[in-house]
Amino acid sequence: MDAMKDLRAFILIIVVLAFVWLFTGGPLRPSSKSGWFLNKPQQKATQETKKQTEEILGTKSSASSKKAAPNSSSKQASSISSPLPYFRGDDGRPQPSSSSRSGVSYGDEKIGASASVLLAVSGKSSSAKSKVQSSSSQSSVRPDFATLKARRTKETNPDEEYLEIKADKKNKSPMKITGWKLKGKTGLDVVIGKGASYIYASAASQPQEDIYLKPGEKAVIVTGKSSLGTSFKMNKCAGYFEQFHEFTPELDTECPLLRDEEPPANLVNNDQCMDYIDRVSSCQTVVSIPYKYSSKLSSSCQEYVMQNANYKTCLEKHKDDSDFYLPEWRVYLERNEELWKKKRETITIYDDKNNIIDSKSY
């Protein structure tokens, strides 16, 4: 009997509570749709993301930025996964969210917007860093330069007095030295003129051009006059000039050998002729053949030797070789007397804008 009374009392209480629930809003109440959590994980993630954004930007979001975006923007933002895939569980420890485990995003446009801001700030930071690095790289570009060496500046004979200018091998481009000035303690300025890069064998006057030093090349600057009548660039055949002229320093005499050239077909099997060709020295013009040899050589052999062992033929055969030019210029200042002091001298090079290139004291 007591059990029936208790049951009726329990049912009555349930009915009363149901009426109260319906009277206060029932299923239309917002709290009935809040789910199992007091605060949604995405709401907490949004708050933390917002805090990080404010720390980076140094400003707080305006009220207008807090308004919800249109539904289409909300759907697009919902496809972005949360930048904070962890929240604290019931036991207070960090737990991975359900969307992080399943790969499904939260669907809150604020998270996507905050993530976009973070990416934008990161992108600007990377861009600024890149510009700084680029600016630093440009400011550290190494300028081209040349060095001065006093070789034989104490000579009293102007044809034997010379110094050397050398372009650094790490230069990026050729250096024009025509127009540069050399100056010593006497106060006299001497300007470097033009020269001939290609020396013709029979030209009375050689075509003149500005002198350029490629990276690693040098210019021997002689105080006196040129026996060829011009400054010139060295080539693999220039050693022939040493036979009939005097040069200080001496020219390189490693010209292409006559025995390395292809002989005419009628002389290939002529052993006496081939033996004599092997005897012809490098950079030696054969003007005549001694009688002890000529008496044993055919006229065609003698003619071949005298026509090919000279500068003109060497020039015609090798002017197109990739190694025809040597990394050296011979530059003459065309003076009749010595230029530099024997001691307590300082020689300075100036470019055509009067900037100091290098200086040497002794």
Protein backbone atom coordinates (compact mmCIF):
# COMPACT_ATOMS: atom_id res chain seq x y z
CA MET A 1 0.00 0.00 0.00
CA ASP A 2 2.86 2.32 0.92
CA ALA A 3 4.58 1.42 -2.41
CA MET A 4 1.56 2.55 -4.43
CA LYS A 5 1.47 5.87 -2.56
CA ASP A 6 5.19 6.41 -3.25
CA LEU A 7 4.73 5.64 -6.98
CA ARG A 8 1.81 8.06 -7.27
CA ALA A 9 3.86 10.77 -5.52
CA PHE A 10 6.84 10.19 -7.89
CA ILE A 11 4.60 10.39 -10.99
CA LEU A 12 3.00 13.58 -9.64
CA ILE A 13 6.45 15.16 -9.15
CA ILE A 14 7.52 14.22 -12.70
CA VAL A 15 4.32 15.75 -14.15
CA VAL A 16 4.85 18.97 -12.16
CA LEU A 17 8.49 19.24 -13.37
CA ALA A 18 7.36 18.64 -16.98
CA PHE A 19 4.84 21.50 -16.74
CA VAL A 20 7.52 23.78 -15.25
CA TRP A 21 9.95 22.87 -18.08
CA LEU A 22 7.35 23.56 -20.76
CA PHE A 23 6.34 26.82 -19.05
CA THR A 24 10.00 28.08 -19.06
CA GLY A 25 10.53 27.36 -22.79
CA GLY A 26 10.89 23.63 -23.09
CA PRO A 27 12.73 22.47 -26.23
CA LEU A 28 13.03 26.07 -27.48
CA ARG A 29 15.47 27.04 -24.72
CA PRO A 30 19.10 27.70 -26.03
CA SER A 31 20.54 25.56 -23.24
CA SER A 32 18.74 22.50 -24.60
CA LYS A 33 20.88 22.76 -27.78
CA SER A 34 24.29 23.30 -26.13
CA GLY A 35 25.25 19.61 -26.27
CA TRP A 36 27.23 17.74 -23.69
CA PHE A 37 29.81 20.50 -23.01
CA LEU A 38 29.33 23.72 -21.06
CA ASN A 39 31.66 25.39 -23.57
CA LYS A 40 32.13 24.02 -27.10
CA PRO A 41 35.72 23.03 -27.99
CA GLN A 42 35.65 25.31 -31.03
CA GLN A 43 34.63 28.27 -28.85
CA LYS A 44 37.65 27.73 -26.64
CA ALA A 45 39.87 27.27 -29.70
CA THR A 46 38.51 30.51 -31.15
CA GLN A 47 39.32 32.39 -27.96
CA GLU A 48 42.89 31.06 -27.82
CA THR A 49 43.46 31.75 -31.55
CA LYS A 50 42.13 35.27 -31.12
CA LYS A 51 44.51 35.82 -28.21
CA GLN A 52 47.49 34.63 -30.31
CA THR A 53 46.45 36.90 -33.19
CA GLU A 54 46.23 39.91 -30.87
CA GLU A 55 49.70 39.15 -29.49
CA ILE A 56 51.19 39.03 -33.02
CA LEU A 57 49.40 42.08 -34.39
CA GLY A 58 49.61 44.03 -31.13
CA THR A 59 46.05 45.26 -31.51
CA LYS A 60 42.62 44.02 -30.53
CA SER A 61 39.98 43.09 -33.10
CA SER A 62 37.36 45.75 -33.72
CA ALA A 63 33.70 45.14 -32.99
CA SER A 64 32.90 44.88 -36.70
CA SER A 65 35.31 41.94 -37.10
CA LYS A 66 33.31 39.99 -34.52
CA LYS A 67 30.17 39.90 -36.68
CA ALA A 68 29.33 36.62 -38.38
CA ALA A 69 30.19 36.29 -42.09
CA PRO A 70 27.52 35.25 -44.68
CA ASN A 71 26.52 31.59 -44.77
CA SER A 72 28.65 30.97 -47.87
CA SER A 73 31.75 32.29 -46.07
CA SER A 74 30.84 30.17 -43.03
CA LYS A 75 30.71 27.05 -45.14
CA GLN A 76 34.05 27.82 -46.75
CA ALA A 77 35.69 28.57 -43.38
CA SER A 78 34.32 25.35 -41.95
CA SER A 79 36.49 23.40 -44.38
CA ILE A 80 39.62 24.67 -42.61
CA SER A 81 40.78 22.40 -39.85
CA SER A 82 41.27 23.91 -36.40
CA PRO A 83 44.74 25.27 -35.67
CA LEU A 84 44.28 24.02 -32.06
CA PRO A 85 43.26 20.32 -32.30
CA TYR A 86 43.46 19.75 -28.48
CA PHE A 87 41.20 20.66 -25.53
CA ARG A 88 41.07 19.65 -21.90
CA GLY A 89 38.90 16.66 -21.00
CA ASP A 90 36.99 15.90 -17.84
CA ASP A 91 40.14 14.81 -16.05
CA GLY A 92 41.85 18.15 -16.84
CA ARG A 93 44.44 16.62 -19.23
CA PRO A 94 44.85 17.67 -22.91
CA GLN A 95 42.79 15.42 -25.20
CA PRO A 96 42.61 15.40 -29.01
CA SER A 97 39.33 16.77 -30.32
CA SER A 98 36.95 14.60 -32.29
CA SER A 99 37.51 16.65 -35.41
CA SER A 100 41.29 16.24 -35.11
CA ARG A 101 40.90 12.48 -34.91
CA SER A 102 38.38 12.16 -37.71
CA GLY A 103 39.72 14.91 -39.96
CA VAL A 104 36.42 16.87 -39.83
CA SER A 105 36.67 20.68 -39.22
CA TYR A 106 34.62 22.55 -36.62
CA GLY A 107 32.60 24.77 -38.94
CA ASP A 108 33.20 28.06 -37.11
CA GLU A 109 34.18 30.87 -39.45
CA LYS A 110 36.11 32.70 -36.69
CA ILE A 111 38.73 29.95 -36.53
CA GLY A 112 39.26 30.12 -40.29
CA ALA A 113 39.52 33.92 -40.18
CA SER A 114 42.03 33.84 -37.31
CA ALA A 115 44.09 31.17 -39.05
CA SER A 116 44.09 33.29 -42.23
CA VAL A 117 45.36 36.30 -40.25
CA LEU A 118 48.14 34.22 -38.75
CA LEU A 119 49.17 32.95 -42.18
CA ALA A 120 49.06 36.49 -43.60
CA VAL A 121 51.25 37.84 -40.78
CA SER A 122 53.65 34.94 -41.23
CA GLY A 123 53.77 35.60 -44.98
CA LYS A 124 54.54 39.29 -44.44
CA SER A 125 57.25 38.42 -41.95
CA SER A 126 58.84 35.97 -44.41
CA SER A 127 58.60 38.56 -47.21
CA ALA A 128 60.25 41.23 -45.03
CA LYS A 129 62.99 38.79 -44.03
CA SER A 130 63.55 37.93 -47.70
CA LYS A 131 63.86 41.63 -48.61
CA VAL A 132 66.38 42.19 -45.80
CA GLN A 133 68.44 39.21 -46.95
CA SER A 134 68.29 40.44 -50.57
CA SER A 135 69.36 43.93 -49.52
CA SER A 136 72.18 42.46 -47.42
CA SER A 137 73.29 40.32 -50.37
CA GLN A 138 73.39 43.34 -52.70
CA SER A 139 75.36 45.42 -50.21
CA SER A 140 77.94 42.64 -49.85
CA VAL A 141 78.68 42.44 -53.62
CA ARG A 142 82.45 42.49 -54.03
CA PRO A 143 83.72 45.36 -56.26
CA ASP A 144 86.26 44.73 -59.03
CA PHE A 145 89.80 45.87 -58.28
CA ALA A 146 93.40 45.72 -59.48
CA THR A 147 96.75 45.64 -57.72
CA LEU A 148 100.00 47.48 -58.43
CA LYS A 149 103.38 45.76 -58.27
CA ALA A 150 106.70 47.62 -58.50
CA ARG A 151 108.82 45.21 -60.55
CA ARG A 152 111.83 47.14 -61.88
CA THR A 153 111.05 50.73 -60.99
CA LYS A 154 114.62 51.56 -59.93
CA GLU A 155 116.15 51.19 -63.41
CA THR A 156 117.73 54.26 -64.99
CA ASN A 157 117.04 53.08 -68.56
CA PRO A 158 113.40 53.96 -69.37
CA ASP A 159 113.14 50.95 -71.72
CA GLU A 160 113.97 48.66 -68.80
CA GLU A 161 111.97 50.47 -66.12
CA TYR A 162 108.54 48.94 -65.63
CA LEU A 163 105.82 48.09 -63.15
CA GLU A 164 102.80 45.82 -63.31
CA ILE A 165 99.03 46.23 -62.92
CA LYS A 166 97.04 43.05 -62.42
CA ALA A 167 93.26 42.61 -62.42
CA ASP A 168 92.02 40.35 -59.67
CA LYS A 169 90.98 36.94 -60.94
CA LYS A 170 87.68 37.18 -59.05
CA ASN A 171 86.55 40.31 -60.91
CA LYS A 172 83.16 40.10 -62.60
CA SER A 173 83.99 42.02 -65.78
CA PRO A 174 86.97 43.42 -67.76
CA MET A 175 88.55 46.61 -66.42
CA LYS A 176 89.30 49.51 -68.77
CA ILE A 177 92.73 50.91 -67.89
CA THR A 178 92.99 53.37 -70.79
CA GLY A 179 92.68 56.78 -69.13
CA TRP A 180 94.13 55.65 -65.80
CA LYS A 181 96.91 57.80 -64.34
CA LEU A 182 100.18 56.88 -62.68
CA LYS A 183 101.66 59.38 -60.25
CA GLY A 184 104.84 59.39 -58.18
CA LYS A 185 106.33 61.75 -55.61
CA THR A 186 107.65 64.02 -58.35
CA GLY A 187 104.03 65.01 -58.95
CA LEU A 188 104.06 64.10 -62.66
CA ASP A 189 100.87 62.42 -63.97
CA VAL A 190 101.30 59.87 -66.74
CA VAL A 191 98.19 58.64 -68.55
CA ILE A 192 97.83 55.11 -69.94
CA GLY A 193 96.89 55.32 -73.62
CA LYS A 194 95.46 52.89 -76.16
CA GLY A 195 97.00 49.82 -77.77
CA ALA A 196 96.61 47.12 -80.44
CA SER A 197 95.03 43.84 -79.42
CA TYR A 198 95.74 42.30 -82.84
CA ILE A 199 99.22 42.99 -84.25
CA TYR A 200 99.32 42.78 -88.02
CA ALA A 201 102.54 41.50 -89.54
CA SER A 202 102.97 44.09 -92.29
CA ALA A 203 100.96 47.13 -91.14
CA ALA A 204 102.96 50.33 -90.72
CA SER A 205 100.52 51.60 -88.09
CA GLN A 206 98.44 49.26 -85.96
CA PRO A 207 94.72 49.96 -85.27
CA GLN A 208 94.36 51.41 -81.76
CA GLU A 209 91.69 50.59 -79.17
CA ASP A 210 91.03 50.95 -75.45
CA ILE A 211 92.95 48.54 -73.23
CA TYR A 212 90.88 46.20 -71.06
CA LEU A 213 92.16 43.73 -68.50
CA LYS A 214 90.00 40.64 -68.11
CA PRO A 215 89.88 38.94 -64.68
CA GLY A 216 93.36 37.59 -63.90
CA GLU A 217 95.11 39.47 -66.74
CA LYS A 218 98.03 41.85 -66.23
CA ALA A 219 99.57 44.87 -67.94
CA VAL A 220 103.34 45.42 -67.92
CA ILE A 221 103.74 49.23 -67.91
CA VAL A 222 107.11 50.16 -69.48
CA THR A 223 108.34 53.74 -69.09
CA GLY A 224 110.15 53.79 -72.47
CA LYS A 225 109.11 53.33 -76.10
CA SER A 226 107.80 50.28 -77.93
CA SER A 227 110.03 48.74 -80.59
CA LEU A 228 106.82 47.83 -82.45
CA GLY A 229 105.57 51.40 -82.31
CA THR A 230 102.54 50.55 -80.16
CA SER A 231 101.32 48.99 -76.96
CA PHE A 232 100.03 45.48 -77.70
CA LYS A 233 98.40 42.40 -76.30
CA MET A 234 100.49 39.25 -76.16
CA ASN A 235 99.52 36.27 -78.30
CA LYS A 236 100.94 32.79 -78.87
CA CYS A 237 102.89 33.97 -81.97
CA ALA A 238 104.33 37.20 -80.50
CA GLY A 239 107.53 35.42 -79.51
CA TYR A 240 108.75 35.83 -83.11
CA PHE A 241 109.28 39.55 -82.35
CA GLU A 242 111.93 38.66 -79.78
CA GLN A 243 114.29 37.49 -82.55
CA PHE A 244 114.74 40.98 -84.08
CA HIS A 245 113.77 43.31 -81.17
CA GLU A 246 114.64 43.74 -77.52
CA PHE A 247 111.93 43.60 -74.88
CA THR A 248 112.07 44.02 -71.11
CA PRO A 249 110.87 41.71 -69.73
CA GLU A 250 111.52 39.24 -72.54
CA LEU A 251 108.57 37.94 -74.54
CA ASP A 252 107.27 34.42 -74.18
CA THR A 253 108.98 32.30 -76.86
CA GLU A 254 106.71 29.28 -76.85
CA CYS A 255 105.19 29.64 -80.31
CA PRO A 256 103.52 26.74 -82.14
CA LEU A 257 106.25 24.50 -83.49
CA LEU A 258 106.66 23.98 -87.21
CA ARG A 259 106.90 20.22 -86.72
CA ASP A 260 103.41 20.22 -85.20
CA GLU A 261 101.90 21.69 -88.37
CA GLU A 262 100.54 19.51 -91.16
CA PRO A 263 103.21 19.35 -93.96
CA PRO A 264 102.36 19.11 -97.69
CA ALA A 265 101.66 15.64 -99.00
CA ASN A 266 104.81 15.68 -101.19
CA LEU A 267 107.02 16.16 -98.11
CA VAL A 268 105.48 13.61 -95.75
CA ASN A 269 107.77 10.79 -96.94
CA ASN A 270 110.83 13.03 -97.39
CA ASP A 271 112.87 12.00 -94.34
CA GLN A 272 115.66 14.57 -94.87
CA CYS A 273 113.11 17.39 -95.02
CA MET A 274 111.16 16.13 -92.01
CA ASP A 275 114.39 15.79 -90.02
CA TYR A 276 115.24 19.43 -90.71
CA ILE A 277 111.72 20.60 -89.80
CA ASP A 278 112.16 18.87 -86.43
CA ARG A 279 115.28 21.03 -85.87
CA VAL A 280 113.54 24.38 -86.38
CA SER A 281 113.25 26.15 -83.01
CA SER A 282 110.10 27.70 -81.59
CA CYS A 283 109.52 31.37 -82.49
CA GLN A 284 112.47 31.41 -84.93
CA THR A 285 111.98 32.98 -88.35
CA VAL A 286 113.95 31.00 -90.95
CA VAL A 287 115.44 33.60 -93.30
CA SER A 288 117.97 31.27 -94.88
CA ILE A 289 119.03 27.66 -94.48
CA PRO A 290 122.71 26.89 -93.79
CA TYR A 291 124.50 25.29 -96.70
CA LYS A 292 125.25 22.06 -94.84
CA TYR A 293 121.49 21.46 -94.66
CA SER A 294 120.30 23.14 -97.84
CA SER A 295 122.60 21.00 -99.95
CA LYS A 296 120.61 17.96 -98.80
CA LEU A 297 117.14 19.47 -99.00
CA SER A 298 114.91 19.76 -102.02
CA SER A 299 113.83 23.21 -103.20
CA SER A 300 110.20 22.44 -102.24
CA CYS A 301 111.30 21.61 -98.69
CA GLN A 302 113.36 24.81 -98.34
CA GLU A 303 110.49 26.87 -99.72
CA TYR A 304 108.01 25.32 -97.26
CA VAL A 305 110.27 25.99 -94.26
CA MET A 306 110.96 29.64 -95.10
CA GLN A 307 107.32 30.40 -95.90
CA ASN A 308 105.95 28.88 -92.70
CA ALA A 309 108.51 29.55 -89.97
CA ASN A 310 107.56 33.23 -89.32
CA TYR A 311 105.12 35.45 -87.47
CA LYS A 312 102.85 36.15 -90.45
CA THR A 313 102.08 32.48 -91.17
CA CYS A 314 101.77 31.65 -87.49
CA LEU A 315 99.23 34.48 -87.19
CA GLU A 316 97.19 33.27 -90.17
CA LYS A 317 97.06 29.68 -88.93
CA HIS A 318 96.34 30.29 -85.24
CA LYS A 319 94.46 33.60 -84.94
CA ASP A 320 91.19 31.71 -84.42
CA ASP A 321 92.53 29.38 -81.73
CA SER A 322 90.73 29.64 -78.39
CA ASP A 323 94.10 30.11 -76.64
CA PHE A 324 95.55 32.53 -79.20
CA TYR A 325 95.66 35.50 -76.82
CA LEU A 326 97.78 35.41 -73.68
CA PRO A 327 96.61 37.09 -70.43
CA GLU A 328 99.09 39.98 -70.75
CA TRP A 329 99.39 43.45 -72.26
CA ARG A 330 102.61 45.36 -72.95
CA VAL A 331 101.90 49.05 -72.37
CA TYR A 332 104.45 51.77 -73.20
CA LEU A 333 104.43 55.30 -71.74
CA GLU A 334 106.75 56.54 -74.54
CA ARG A 335 109.07 58.51 -72.27
CA ASN A 336 112.76 59.29 -72.95
CA GLU A 337 113.87 59.27 -69.32
CA GLU A 338 113.25 57.35 -66.13
CA LEU A 339 110.02 58.10 -64.29
CA TRP A 340 110.27 56.66 -60.77
CA LYS A 341 112.67 57.45 -57.93
CA LYS A 342 115.16 54.81 -56.85
CA LYS A 343 114.15 55.06 -53.19
CA ARG A 344 111.57 56.63 -50.90
CA GLU A 345 109.06 56.54 -53.71
CA THR A 346 105.28 56.11 -53.64
CA ILE A 347 103.51 55.20 -56.89
CA THR A 348 99.72 55.55 -57.05
CA ILE A 349 97.21 54.50 -59.72
CA TYR A 350 94.11 56.63 -60.32
CA ASP A 351 91.19 55.65 -62.52
CA ASP A 352 89.60 57.99 -65.09
CA LYS A 353 87.39 59.45 -62.31
CA ASN A 354 90.46 60.21 -60.16
CA ASN A 355 89.68 57.45 -57.65
CA ILE A 356 92.68 55.69 -56.11
CA ILE A 357 92.97 52.10 -57.38
CA ASP A 358 96.16 51.08 -55.56
CA SER A 359 99.43 52.47 -54.23
CA LYS A 360 102.89 51.05 -53.66
CA SER A 361 105.78 52.47 -51.63
CA TYR A 362 109.43 51.45 -51.39
